[in-house]
Each structure stands twice: as structure tokens, then as C-alpha cells.
Amino acid sequence: MKRKKFEDSILRLEEIINQLENKELTLDNSLKLFQEGVELYKHCNQKLESAEAKITMILSENSTTCEVPFEERTNNGI
């Protein structure tokens, strides 16, 4: 897969989801789209993990060591 921007990958992933929800696709086309979607998911997940690692590094360099898992931050309004 050629290198894509995170935002472009998310938009394409949304398009794929919409197409897969359309029940008029052939099985072969559905499988191709599903495979592309899995690759895009992996790409986006890697980008997010990289961004999280960079943020953690920046915070630790600035002696701000308050690591809270992402799920807790969104649920607690942090």
C-alpha cells in the first residue's frame, strides 16, 4: 500500500464500510473491499500508535508524567 495520509485513509475506510453495507455487491468485490479495509485499518492503527508514543515522549521530556490510558481520558472527560 502506498503511503497515505491518516485522514485520507479514514475517509476511504468510511467509503468501504458504506459500500459493504450495500447488499448489491458481488462476493468477490466484497472480499476485495474487505481486504482493502483491513489494510487501511492497520495503517490507521499504526499512525495512532505512533502519535500516542510521540505524545508520551514529549510529555516525559517535559517532566509531565501523567499517563492515562486513552479510554479513561475519553470516559472521564480528561
Protein backbone atom coordinates (compact mmCIF):
# COMPACT_ATOMS: atom_id res chain seq x y z
CA MET A 1 0.00 0.00 0.00
CA LYS A 2 1.40 3.37 -0.91
CA ARG A 3 1.85 5.81 1.93
CA LYS A 4 -1.38 7.73 2.61
CA LYS A 5 -2.37 10.47 4.97
CA PHE A 6 -4.29 9.34 8.03
CA GLU A 7 -7.30 11.50 7.14
CA ASP A 8 -7.43 10.16 3.58
CA SER A 9 -7.26 6.60 4.89
CA ILE A 10 -10.14 7.22 7.31
CA LEU A 11 -12.28 8.70 4.53
CA ARG A 12 -11.57 5.72 2.28
CA LEU A 13 -12.34 3.34 5.12
CA GLU A 14 -15.72 5.05 5.59
CA GLU A 15 -16.40 4.68 1.86
CA ILE A 16 -15.60 0.98 2.04
CA ILE A 17 -17.91 0.49 5.01
CA ASN A 18 -20.74 2.20 3.13
CA GLN A 19 -20.11 0.04 0.06
CA LEU A 20 -20.00 -3.15 2.11
CA GLU A 21 -23.32 -2.24 3.71
CA ASN A 22 -24.77 -2.18 0.18
CA LYS A 23 -26.05 -5.69 -0.34
CA GLU A 24 -25.75 -5.44 -4.12
CA LEU A 25 -22.00 -6.19 -4.24
CA THR A 26 -20.72 -9.48 -5.53
CA LEU A 27 -18.87 -11.76 -3.16
CA ASP A 28 -15.57 -11.11 -4.96
CA ASN A 29 -15.99 -7.34 -4.77
CA SER A 30 -16.97 -7.58 -1.12
CA LEU A 31 -13.85 -9.59 -0.34
CA LYS A 32 -11.61 -7.12 -2.19
CA LEU A 33 -13.13 -4.20 -0.33
CA PHE A 34 -12.87 -6.04 2.98
CA GLN A 35 -9.19 -6.74 2.38
CA GLU A 36 -8.55 -3.09 1.49
CA GLY A 37 -10.42 -2.06 4.63
CA VAL A 38 -8.29 -4.31 6.83
CA GLU A 39 -5.11 -2.83 5.32
CA LEU A 40 -6.41 0.70 5.88
CA TYR A 41 -7.34 -0.18 9.46
CA LYS A 42 -3.81 -1.46 10.12
CA HIS A 43 -2.34 1.70 8.57
CA CYS A 44 -4.55 3.98 10.68
CA ASN A 45 -3.88 1.99 13.84
CA GLN A 46 -0.11 2.25 13.29
CA LYS A 47 -0.42 6.02 12.79
CA LEU A 48 -2.42 6.37 16.02
CA GLU A 49 0.04 4.24 17.99
CA SER A 50 2.92 6.31 16.63
CA ALA A 51 1.19 9.55 17.59
CA GLU A 52 0.46 8.24 21.08
CA ALA A 53 4.12 7.22 21.52
CA LYS A 54 5.25 10.65 20.37
CA ILE A 55 2.89 12.39 22.80
CA THR A 56 4.11 10.17 25.65
CA MET A 57 7.71 11.00 24.74
CA ILE A 58 7.01 14.75 24.64
CA LEU A 59 5.26 14.63 27.99
CA SER A 60 8.06 12.63 29.60
CA GLU A 61 10.69 15.02 28.19
CA ASN A 62 8.87 17.87 29.84
CA SER A 63 8.65 16.03 33.17
CA THR A 64 4.92 15.65 32.81
CA THR A 65 4.47 12.01 33.67
CA CYS A 66 0.73 11.71 33.89
CA GLU A 67 -0.05 8.81 31.60
CA VAL A 68 -3.75 7.98 31.45
CA PRO A 69 -4.99 5.33 29.01
CA PHE A 70 -6.95 6.85 26.15
CA GLU A 71 -10.16 5.04 27.11
CA GLU A 72 -10.07 6.53 30.61
CA ARG A 73 -9.41 10.04 29.27
CA THR A 74 -12.45 9.99 26.99
CA ASN A 75 -14.74 8.42 29.60
CA ASN A 76 -13.71 10.77 32.40
CA GLY A 77 -13.72 13.94 30.33
CA ILE A 78 -9.96 14.38 30.56
